Amino acid sequence: MKFKKLALVAAIAAAPMAAMAMEPMQDEALSAVTGQDGISIGLQTNLTAGLKIHDTDGAAGVTGVTANGAGAIVIDGFSITRAATTDTIDITIDADDGGTGGAFLNVGVSLPNNLTIALGGLNVADSGRTAAGGTWSTSATVSAGSAATPVPLINLGTMTLGATTLNIQLGNEPQGNMIALDTTISGGINISGFAINDANSGGALSTDLQIIDNGGTALSVNTGIDITTAGLVIGLGGIGDATNGLDVRMANLNVGGAGDIGDVELVGLNLTGNLVISGK
């Protein structure tokens, strides 16, 4: 498998559910059990995790590679932390017959203000996995060759989100997308400590990022996410002000580790089309 595109998106949706039943239960019947229509879940928890993506056949035909083998993309240090222990990630779940459009499951997710997401580091490493199976990654099978740890590529930094809502529909999708985001992120998206490392040469490009509506103080998001036969499709046209696009502010831009270049702005950036993520 080769990767056509690797995209890291500031959007985390969680919808944990557990249900056991001997026969289908209508929403009205469910209310008699739960005391309300549908199900409401309030998550008062923080989260930490790591992620390893295995490219089981490596990169054949690449200049300088005489014998390709399985590699792994390793993301470590990922965490989600609430600003206060009383903050809640709210999830509401409803089932609907959908009328003539067909039944669907509706999952609404509300994220609290000032949710901190540590995106961790993006690394590359050896993998114990192969097309035939192989060993799942451990500290012994995922390493940087003779080194004890993966090779660091990008420090993804820490992102702070304002209050955010999204709606997920499974089954039929009367809203038009599997995941619909129609919200305003107060304060925009802020990423601190972002850096791209040159492992061979030892230098790095680093900056702190802010993404907001053009001339504004928040980020408008009105877009959809779907899983199609082509892959994961993320609409780009609804990110930022509908007319004037968005501003990307890069503070303390540093290249190579010497003095800062300064602060850089991309003003009125308009995005169109879709981002498609798939295997190859």
C-alpha atoms as a PDB file:
ATOM      1  CA  MET A   1       0.000   0.000   0.000  1.00  0.00           C
ATOM      2  CA  LYS A   2       1.190   3.497  -0.830  1.00  0.00           C
ATOM      3  CA  PHE A   3      -0.356   6.647   0.582  1.00  0.00           C
ATOM      4  CA  LYS A   4      -1.868   9.012  -1.963  1.00  0.00           C
ATOM      5  CA  LYS A   5      -2.382  11.780   0.560  1.00  0.00           C
ATOM      6  CA  LEU A   6      -1.756  12.275   4.232  1.00  0.00           C
ATOM      7  CA  ALA A   7      -3.937  14.929   5.820  1.00  0.00           C
ATOM      8  CA  LEU A   8      -4.159  15.958   9.429  1.00  0.00           C
ATOM      9  CA  VAL A   9      -7.403  17.704  10.235  1.00  0.00           C
ATOM     10  CA  ALA A  10      -8.389  19.579  13.360  1.00  0.00           C
ATOM     11  CA  ALA A  11     -11.650  17.759  13.839  1.00  0.00           C
ATOM     12  CA  ILE A  12     -12.166  14.838  16.421  1.00  0.00           C
ATOM     13  CA  ALA A  13     -15.588  13.230  16.718  1.00  0.00           C
ATOM     14  CA  ALA A  14     -16.401  10.562  19.276  1.00  0.00           C
ATOM     15  CA  ALA A  15     -19.667   8.614  19.404  1.00  0.00           C
ATOM     16  CA  PRO A  16     -19.346   5.672  21.806  1.00  0.00           C
ATOM     17  CA  MET A  17     -22.488   3.594  22.074  1.00  0.00           C
ATOM     18  CA  ALA A  18     -23.556   0.264  23.466  1.00  0.00           C
ATOM     19  CA  ALA A  19     -26.983  -1.272  22.925  1.00  0.00           C
ATOM     20  CA  MET A  20     -28.413  -4.784  23.174  1.00  0.00           C
ATOM     21  CA  ALA A  21     -32.011  -5.609  22.253  1.00  0.00           C
ATOM     22  CA  MET A  22     -34.072  -8.633  21.284  1.00  0.00           C
ATOM     23  CA  GLU A  23     -36.212  -6.604  18.849  1.00  0.00           C
ATOM     24  CA  PRO A  24     -36.159  -3.108  17.248  1.00  0.00           C
ATOM     25  CA  MET A  25     -37.126  -0.314  19.665  1.00  0.00           C
ATOM     26  CA  GLN A  26     -38.794   2.881  18.480  1.00  0.00           C
ATOM     27  CA  ASP A  27     -37.670   6.263  19.818  1.00  0.00           C
ATOM     28  CA  GLU A  28     -40.929   6.592  21.798  1.00  0.00           C
ATOM     29  CA  ALA A  29     -40.406   3.184  23.411  1.00  0.00           C
ATOM     30  CA  LEU A  30     -36.803   4.080  24.144  1.00  0.00           C
ATOM     31  CA  SER A  31     -37.980   7.149  26.051  1.00  0.00           C
ATOM     32  CA  ALA A  32     -39.935   4.918  28.415  1.00  0.00           C
ATOM     33  CA  VAL A  33     -36.691   3.169  29.349  1.00  0.00           C
ATOM     34  CA  THR A  34     -34.316   6.147  29.470  1.00  0.00           C
ATOM     35  CA  GLY A  35     -36.809   8.815  30.586  1.00  0.00           C
ATOM     36  CA  GLN A  36     -36.239  10.852  27.428  1.00  0.00           C
ATOM     37  CA  ASP A  37     -36.448  10.631  23.660  1.00  0.00           C
ATOM     38  CA  GLY A  38     -33.197   9.255  22.315  1.00  0.00           C
ATOM     39  CA  ILE A  39     -29.974   8.950  24.290  1.00  0.00           C
ATOM     40  CA  SER A  40     -27.804  11.695  25.787  1.00  0.00           C
ATOM     41  CA  ILE A  41     -24.188  11.041  26.752  1.00  0.00           C
ATOM     42  CA  GLY A  42     -21.988  13.478  28.650  1.00  0.00           C
ATOM     43  CA  LEU A  43     -18.275  12.689  28.545  1.00  0.00           C
ATOM     44  CA  GLN A  44     -16.244  14.247  31.337  1.00  0.00           C
ATOM     45  CA  THR A  45     -12.918  12.698  30.458  1.00  0.00           C
ATOM     46  CA  ASN A  46      -9.549  13.411  28.912  1.00  0.00           C
ATOM     47  CA  LEU A  47      -7.942  11.161  26.305  1.00  0.00           C
ATOM     48  CA  THR A  48      -4.444  10.061  25.334  1.00  0.00           C
ATOM     49  CA  ALA A  49      -3.509   7.759  22.446  1.00  0.00           C
ATOM     50  CA  GLY A  50      -0.892   6.829  19.885  1.00  0.00           C
ATOM     51  CA  LEU A  51      -1.371   5.823  16.247  1.00  0.00           C
ATOM     52  CA  LYS A  52       0.700   3.648  13.901  1.00  0.00           C
ATOM     53  CA  ILE A  53      -0.121   3.312  10.188  1.00  0.00           C
ATOM     54  CA  HIS A  54       1.724   0.467   8.457  1.00  0.00           C
ATOM     55  CA  ASP A  55       2.685   0.664   4.764  1.00  0.00           C
ATOM     56  CA  THR A  56       3.109  -3.065   4.303  1.00  0.00           C
ATOM     57  CA  ASP A  57       4.809  -2.977   0.876  1.00  0.00           C
ATOM     58  CA  GLY A  58       6.977   0.118   1.312  1.00  0.00           C
ATOM     59  CA  ALA A  59       7.877   2.474  -1.545  1.00  0.00           C
ATOM     60  CA  ALA A  60       9.099   0.604  -4.622  1.00  0.00           C
ATOM     61  CA  GLY A  61      10.844   2.478  -7.432  1.00  0.00           C
ATOM     62  CA  VAL A  62      12.053   5.396  -5.295  1.00  0.00           C
ATOM     63  CA  THR A  63      15.470   6.846  -6.172  1.00  0.00           C
ATOM     64  CA  GLY A  64      18.108   5.787  -3.657  1.00  0.00           C
ATOM     65  CA  VAL A  65      16.138   2.816  -2.338  1.00  0.00           C
ATOM     66  CA  THR A  66      17.703  -0.487  -3.368  1.00  0.00           C
ATOM     67  CA  ALA A  67      15.503  -2.833  -1.328  1.00  0.00           C
ATOM     68  CA  ASN A  68      12.200  -1.428  -0.136  1.00  0.00           C
ATOM     69  CA  GLY A  69      10.376  -2.870   2.861  1.00  0.00           C
ATOM     70  CA  ALA A  70       7.479  -2.180   5.181  1.00  0.00           C
ATOM     71  CA  GLY A  71       7.504   1.146   6.988  1.00  0.00           C
ATOM     72  CA  ALA A  72       5.234   2.843   9.496  1.00  0.00           C
ATOM     73  CA  ILE A  73       3.912   6.327  10.128  1.00  0.00           C
ATOM     74  CA  VAL A  74       3.941   6.802  13.886  1.00  0.00           C
ATOM     75  CA  ILE A  75       1.965   9.527  15.645  1.00  0.00           C
ATOM     76  CA  ASP A  76       2.735   9.791  19.341  1.00  0.00           C
ATOM     77  CA  GLY A  77       1.812  12.184  22.120  1.00  0.00           C
ATOM     78  CA  PHE A  78      -1.807  12.698  21.011  1.00  0.00           C
ATOM     79  CA  SER A  79      -4.156  13.874  23.746  1.00  0.00           C
ATOM     80  CA  ILE A  80      -7.417  15.759  24.289  1.00  0.00           C
ATOM     81  CA  THR A  81      -7.726  17.846  27.452  1.00  0.00           C
ATOM     82  CA  ARG A  82     -10.663  19.891  28.702  1.00  0.00           C
ATOM     83  CA  ALA A  83     -10.105  23.372  30.121  1.00  0.00           C
ATOM     84  CA  ALA A  84     -12.025  22.464  33.296  1.00  0.00           C
ATOM     85  CA  THR A  85     -12.945  19.142  34.872  1.00  0.00           C
ATOM     86  CA  THR A  86     -16.614  20.158  34.711  1.00  0.00           C
ATOM     87  CA  ASP A  87     -16.503  20.667  30.922  1.00  0.00           C
ATOM     88  CA  THR A  88     -18.493  18.033  29.041  1.00  0.00           C
ATOM     89  CA  ILE A  89     -18.371  16.606  25.538  1.00  0.00           C
ATOM     90  CA  ASP A  90     -22.090  16.187  24.874  1.00  0.00           C
ATOM     91  CA  ILE A  91     -23.425  13.501  22.532  1.00  0.00           C
ATOM     92  CA  THR A  92     -27.094  13.074  21.641  1.00  0.00           C
ATOM     93  CA  ILE A  93     -28.299  10.014  19.720  1.00  0.00           C
ATOM     94  CA  ASP A  94     -31.662   9.604  17.995  1.00  0.00           C
ATOM     95  CA  ALA A  95     -33.142   7.119  15.538  1.00  0.00           C
ATOM     96  CA  ASP A  96     -35.606   8.315  12.904  1.00  0.00           C
ATOM     97  CA  ASP A  97     -37.616   6.539  10.223  1.00  0.00           C
ATOM     98  CA  GLY A  98     -36.703   9.311   7.773  1.00  0.00           C
ATOM     99  CA  GLY A  99     -40.078   9.233   6.049  1.00  0.00           C
ATOM    100  CA  THR A 100     -39.688   8.402   2.371  1.00  0.00           C
ATOM    101  CA  GLY A 101     -35.930   9.002   2.624  1.00  0.00           C
ATOM    102  CA  GLY A 102     -35.258   5.950   4.771  1.00  0.00           C
ATOM    103  CA  ALA A 103     -34.234   5.388   8.384  1.00  0.00           C
ATOM    104  CA  PHE A 104     -31.097   6.895   9.867  1.00  0.00           C
ATOM    105  CA  LEU A 105     -29.182   7.274  13.119  1.00  0.00           C
ATOM    106  CA  ASN A 106     -28.479  10.880  14.111  1.00  0.00           C
ATOM    107  CA  VAL A 107     -25.540  11.679  16.410  1.00  0.00           C
ATOM    108  CA  GLY A 108     -25.016  15.271  17.518  1.00  0.00           C
ATOM    109  CA  VAL A 109     -21.674  16.176  19.132  1.00  0.00           C
ATOM    110  CA  SER A 110     -20.927  19.387  21.042  1.00  0.00           C
ATOM    111  CA  LEU A 111     -17.362  20.178  22.111  1.00  0.00           C
ATOM    112  CA  PRO A 112     -16.714  22.618  24.974  1.00  0.00           C
ATOM    113  CA  ASN A 113     -14.812  25.884  24.602  1.00  0.00           C
ATOM    114  CA  ASN A 114     -11.005  25.893  24.916  1.00  0.00           C
ATOM    115  CA  LEU A 115     -10.608  22.182  24.248  1.00  0.00           C
ATOM    116  CA  THR A 116      -6.875  21.509  23.941  1.00  0.00           C
ATOM    117  CA  ILE A 117      -5.763  18.880  21.439  1.00  0.00           C
ATOM    118  CA  ALA A 118      -2.085  17.910  21.560  1.00  0.00           C
ATOM    119  CA  LEU A 119      -1.508  16.567  18.047  1.00  0.00           C
ATOM    120  CA  GLY A 120       1.814  14.999  19.001  1.00  0.00           C
ATOM    121  CA  GLY A 121       4.613  14.165  16.614  1.00  0.00           C
ATOM    122  CA  LEU A 122       4.609  12.595  13.145  1.00  0.00           C
ATOM    123  CA  ASN A 123       7.430  10.062  12.775  1.00  0.00           C
ATOM    124  CA  VAL A 124       8.540   7.389  10.308  1.00  0.00           C
ATOM    125  CA  ALA A 125       9.897   3.991  11.302  1.00  0.00           C
ATOM    126  CA  ASP A 126      10.471   0.363  10.386  1.00  0.00           C
ATOM    127  CA  SER A 127       7.428  -1.903  10.601  1.00  0.00           C
ATOM    128  CA  GLY A 128       7.056  -5.538  11.513  1.00  0.00           C
ATOM    129  CA  ARG A 129       3.943  -5.837   9.346  1.00  0.00           C
ATOM    130  CA  THR A 130       4.001  -7.277   5.812  1.00  0.00           C
ATOM    131  CA  ALA A 131       1.427  -7.964   3.111  1.00  0.00           C
ATOM    132  CA  ALA A 132       1.256 -11.507   4.507  1.00  0.00           C
ATOM    133  CA  GLY A 133       0.639 -10.322   8.064  1.00  0.00           C
ATOM    134  CA  GLY A 134       3.738 -10.189  10.218  1.00  0.00           C
ATOM    135  CA  THR A 135       4.150  -8.853  13.734  1.00  0.00           C
ATOM    136  CA  TRP A 136       2.117  -5.952  15.080  1.00  0.00           C
ATOM    137  CA  SER A 137       4.180  -2.973  16.129  1.00  0.00           C
ATOM    138  CA  THR A 138       6.011  -2.937  19.423  1.00  0.00           C
ATOM    139  CA  SER A 139       9.086  -1.080  20.582  1.00  0.00           C
ATOM    140  CA  ALA A 140      11.107  -3.911  19.051  1.00  0.00           C
ATOM    141  CA  THR A 141       9.437  -3.997  15.631  1.00  0.00           C
ATOM    142  CA  VAL A 142       8.884  -0.280  15.077  1.00  0.00           C
ATOM    143  CA  SER A 143      12.199   1.547  15.185  1.00  0.00           C
ATOM    144  CA  ALA A 144      14.378   3.700  12.984  1.00  0.00           C
ATOM    145  CA  GLY A 145      16.686   0.946  11.777  1.00  0.00           C
ATOM    146  CA  SER A 146      19.675   0.953  14.104  1.00  0.00           C
ATOM    147  CA  ALA A 147      18.163   3.725  16.238  1.00  0.00           C
ATOM    148  CA  ALA A 148      15.930   3.005  19.216  1.00  0.00           C
ATOM    149  CA  THR A 149      13.168   5.441  18.264  1.00  0.00           C
ATOM    150  CA  PRO A 150      11.300   6.480  15.092  1.00  0.00           C
ATOM    151  CA  VAL A 151      12.692   9.319  12.953  1.00  0.00           C
ATOM    152  CA  PRO A 152      10.861  12.580  13.824  1.00  0.00           C
ATOM    153  CA  LEU A 153       9.378  14.383  10.811  1.00  0.00           C
ATOM    154  CA  ILE A 154       6.829  16.929  12.018  1.00  0.00           C
ATOM    155  CA  ASN A 155       5.982  18.314  15.431  1.00  0.00           C
ATOM    156  CA  LEU A 156       2.263  18.838  14.958  1.00  0.00           C
ATOM    157  CA  GLY A 157       1.988  21.085  17.997  1.00  0.00           C
ATOM    158  CA  THR A 158      -0.973  21.830  20.217  1.00  0.00           C
ATOM    159  CA  MET A 159      -4.343  23.007  18.902  1.00  0.00           C
ATOM    160  CA  THR A 160      -6.928  24.925  20.910  1.00  0.00           C
ATOM    161  CA  LEU A 161     -10.539  24.774  19.710  1.00  0.00           C
ATOM    162  CA  GLY A 162     -13.396  27.082  20.536  1.00  0.00           C
ATOM    163  CA  ALA A 163     -16.872  25.693  21.170  1.00  0.00           C
ATOM    164  CA  THR A 164     -17.703  23.418  18.214  1.00  0.00           C
ATOM    165  CA  THR A 165     -20.704  21.369  17.093  1.00  0.00           C
ATOM    166  CA  LEU A 166     -21.039  18.688  14.433  1.00  0.00           C
ATOM    167  CA  ASN A 167     -23.759  16.289  13.351  1.00  0.00           C
ATOM    168  CA  ILE A 168     -23.235  12.700  12.194  1.00  0.00           C
ATOM    169  CA  GLN A 169     -25.832  10.666  10.294  1.00  0.00           C
ATOM    170  CA  LEU A 170     -25.444   6.935   9.687  1.00  0.00           C
ATOM    171  CA  GLY A 171     -27.633   4.926   7.367  1.00  0.00           C
ATOM    172  CA  ASN A 172     -29.451   7.407   5.152  1.00  0.00           C
ATOM    173  CA  GLU A 173     -28.241  11.018   5.238  1.00  0.00           C
ATOM    174  CA  PRO A 174     -31.058  13.587   4.908  1.00  0.00           C
ATOM    175  CA  GLN A 175     -28.601  16.366   5.800  1.00  0.00           C
ATOM    176  CA  GLY A 176     -26.631  15.504   2.640  1.00  0.00           C
ATOM    177  CA  ASN A 177     -23.398  14.348   4.299  1.00  0.00           C
ATOM    178  CA  MET A 178     -22.321  11.678   6.758  1.00  0.00           C
ATOM    179  CA  ILE A 179     -20.745  14.372   8.965  1.00  0.00           C
ATOM    180  CA  ALA A 180     -22.027  17.937   8.719  1.00  0.00           C
ATOM    181  CA  LEU A 181     -20.154  20.815  10.325  1.00  0.00           C
ATOM    182  CA  ASP A 182     -22.054  24.089  10.474  1.00  0.00           C
ATOM    183  CA  THR A 183     -20.501  26.033  13.306  1.00  0.00           C
ATOM    184  CA  THR A 184     -18.385  28.995  14.319  1.00  0.00           C
ATOM    185  CA  ILE A 185     -15.203  28.161  16.217  1.00  0.00           C
ATOM    186  CA  SER A 186     -14.651  31.017  18.646  1.00  0.00           C
ATOM    187  CA  GLY A 187     -11.083  32.301  18.457  1.00  0.00           C
ATOM    188  CA  GLY A 188     -10.465  30.185  15.363  1.00  0.00           C
ATOM    189  CA  ILE A 189      -8.014  27.292  15.297  1.00  0.00           C
ATOM    190  CA  ASN A 190      -4.730  27.952  17.087  1.00  0.00           C
ATOM    191  CA  ILE A 191      -1.726  25.634  16.746  1.00  0.00           C
ATOM    192  CA  SER A 192       1.428  26.288  18.766  1.00  0.00           C
ATOM    193  CA  GLY A 193       4.773  24.531  18.371  1.00  0.00           C
ATOM    194  CA  PHE A 194       4.293  23.340  14.766  1.00  0.00           C
ATOM    195  CA  ALA A 195       7.592  22.296  13.152  1.00  0.00           C
ATOM    196  CA  ILE A 196       8.830  20.354  10.104  1.00  0.00           C
ATOM    197  CA  ASN A 197      12.166  18.632  10.742  1.00  0.00           C
ATOM    198  CA  ASP A 198      14.929  17.780   8.251  1.00  0.00           C
ATOM    199  CA  ALA A 199      16.287  14.607   9.838  1.00  0.00           C
ATOM    200  CA  ASN A 200      19.348  14.435   7.557  1.00  0.00           C
ATOM    201  CA  SER A 201      20.416  18.076   7.768  1.00  0.00           C
ATOM    202  CA  GLY A 202      19.339  18.776  11.325  1.00  0.00           C
ATOM    203  CA  GLY A 203      17.318  21.941  10.685  1.00  0.00           C
ATOM    204  CA  ALA A 204      13.618  22.695  11.056  1.00  0.00           C
ATOM    205  CA  LEU A 205      10.880  25.065   9.945  1.00  0.00           C
ATOM    206  CA  SER A 206       8.771  26.129  12.911  1.00  0.00           C
ATOM    207  CA  THR A 207       5.903  28.519  13.585  1.00  0.00           C
ATOM    208  CA  ASP A 208       2.740  29.140  15.588  1.00  0.00           C
ATOM    209  CA  LEU A 209      -0.455  29.143  13.501  1.00  0.00           C
ATOM    210  CA  GLN A 210      -3.841  30.800  13.758  1.00  0.00           C
ATOM    211  CA  ILE A 211      -6.657  30.167  11.245  1.00  0.00           C
ATOM    212  CA  ILE A 212      -9.619  32.583  11.307  1.00  0.00           C
ATOM    213  CA  ASP A 213     -12.176  34.173   9.000  1.00  0.00           C
ATOM    214  CA  ASN A 214     -10.752  36.931   6.826  1.00  0.00           C
ATOM    215  CA  GLY A 215     -10.616  40.026   9.049  1.00  0.00           C
ATOM    216  CA  GLY A 216     -12.462  38.229  11.853  1.00  0.00           C
ATOM    217  CA  THR A 217     -11.814  36.714  15.251  1.00  0.00           C
ATOM    218  CA  ALA A 218     -13.509  33.315  14.764  1.00  0.00           C
ATOM    219  CA  LEU A 219     -13.518  30.573  12.120  1.00  0.00           C
ATOM    220  CA  SER A 220     -16.716  29.729  10.243  1.00  0.00           C
ATOM    221  CA  VAL A 221     -17.081  26.112   9.147  1.00  0.00           C
ATOM    222  CA  ASN A 222     -19.956  24.948   6.962  1.00  0.00           C
ATOM    223  CA  THR A 223     -18.866  21.786   5.222  1.00  0.00           C
ATOM    224  CA  GLY A 224     -19.435  18.054   4.961  1.00  0.00           C
ATOM    225  CA  ILE A 225     -17.408  14.868   5.298  1.00  0.00           C
ATOM    226  CA  ASP A 226     -18.289  11.615   3.510  1.00  0.00           C
ATOM    227  CA  ILE A 227     -16.796   8.195   2.887  1.00  0.00           C
ATOM    228  CA  THR A 228     -17.192   7.391  -0.800  1.00  0.00           C
ATOM    229  CA  THR A 229     -15.773   4.662  -3.026  1.00  0.00           C
ATOM    230  CA  ALA A 230     -12.912   7.089  -3.749  1.00  0.00           C
ATOM    231  CA  GLY A 231     -12.005   7.479  -0.066  1.00  0.00           C
ATOM    232  CA  LEU A 232     -12.591   9.968   2.746  1.00  0.00           C
ATOM    233  CA  VAL A 233     -13.896  13.177   1.141  1.00  0.00           C
ATOM    234  CA  ILE A 234     -13.683  16.472   3.058  1.00  0.00           C
ATOM    235  CA  GLY A 235     -15.313  19.527   1.532  1.00  0.00           C
ATOM    236  CA  LEU A 236     -13.038  22.574   1.554  1.00  0.00           C
ATOM    237  CA  GLY A 237     -15.327  25.242   0.121  1.00  0.00           C
ATOM    238  CA  GLY A 238     -17.172  26.000   3.366  1.00  0.00           C
ATOM    239  CA  ILE A 239     -14.140  26.756   5.538  1.00  0.00           C
ATOM    240  CA  GLY A 240     -13.787  30.449   6.353  1.00  0.00           C
ATOM    241  CA  ASP A 241     -15.951  33.438   5.477  1.00  0.00           C
ATOM    242  CA  ALA A 242     -18.345  32.567   2.644  1.00  0.00           C
ATOM    243  CA  THR A 243     -17.260  35.615   0.613  1.00  0.00           C
ATOM    244  CA  ASN A 244     -13.769  36.591   1.727  1.00  0.00           C
ATOM    245  CA  GLY A 245     -12.245  33.265   2.775  1.00  0.00           C
ATOM    246  CA  LEU A 246      -9.863  32.902   5.684  1.00  0.00           C
ATOM    247  CA  ASP A 247      -6.634  34.306   7.086  1.00  0.00           C
ATOM    248  CA  VAL A 248      -3.687  32.117   8.100  1.00  0.00           C
ATOM    249  CA  ARG A 249      -1.329  33.812  10.535  1.00  0.00           C
ATOM    250  CA  MET A 250       2.136  32.374  11.123  1.00  0.00           C
ATOM    251  CA  ALA A 251       3.846  33.925  14.140  1.00  0.00           C
ATOM    252  CA  ASN A 252       7.557  33.514  14.940  1.00  0.00           C
ATOM    253  CA  LEU A 253       8.309  31.828  11.607  1.00  0.00           C
ATOM    254  CA  ASN A 254      11.757  30.289  11.884  1.00  0.00           C
ATOM    255  CA  VAL A 255      13.699  28.405   9.209  1.00  0.00           C
ATOM    256  CA  GLY A 256      16.826  26.490  10.150  1.00  0.00           C
ATOM    257  CA  GLY A 257      17.065  27.409  13.815  1.00  0.00           C
ATOM    258  CA  ALA A 258      18.671  30.854  13.482  1.00  0.00           C
ATOM    259  CA  GLY A 259      16.721  34.071  14.056  1.00  0.00           C
ATOM    260  CA  ASP A 260      13.031  34.328  13.228  1.00  0.00           C
ATOM    261  CA  ILE A 261      12.019  35.550   9.773  1.00  0.00           C
ATOM    262  CA  GLY A 262       9.122  37.355  11.431  1.00  0.00           C
ATOM    263  CA  ASP A 263       5.353  36.994  11.274  1.00  0.00           C
ATOM    264  CA  VAL A 264       3.633  36.025   8.013  1.00  0.00           C
ATOM    265  CA  GLU A 265      -0.033  36.351   6.972  1.00  0.00           C
ATOM    266  CA  LEU A 266      -1.960  34.644   4.189  1.00  0.00           C
ATOM    267  CA  VAL A 267      -4.918  36.988   3.727  1.00  0.00           C
ATOM    268  CA  GLY A 268      -8.239  36.120   2.077  1.00  0.00           C
ATOM    269  CA  LEU A 269      -7.372  32.508   1.256  1.00  0.00           C
ATOM    270  CA  ASN A 270     -10.317  30.915  -0.572  1.00  0.00           C
ATOM    271  CA  LEU A 271     -10.504  27.130  -0.729  1.00  0.00           C
ATOM    272  CA  THR A 272     -12.634  25.178  -3.199  1.00  0.00           C
ATOM    273  CA  GLY A 273     -13.200  21.545  -4.067  1.00  0.00           C
ATOM    274  CA  ASN A 274     -12.526  18.549  -1.847  1.00  0.00           C
ATOM    275  CA  LEU A 275      -9.701  16.862  -0.008  1.00  0.00           C
ATOM    276  CA  VAL A 276      -9.718  13.111  -0.752  1.00  0.00           C
ATOM    277  CA  ILE A 277      -7.781  10.682   1.452  1.00  0.00           C
ATOM    278  CA  SER A 278      -7.371   7.081   0.312  1.00  0.00           C
ATOM    279  CA  GLY A 279      -4.969   4.194   0.064  1.00  0.00           C
ATOM    280  CA  LYS A 280      -3.262   3.153  -3.157  1.00  0.00           C
END
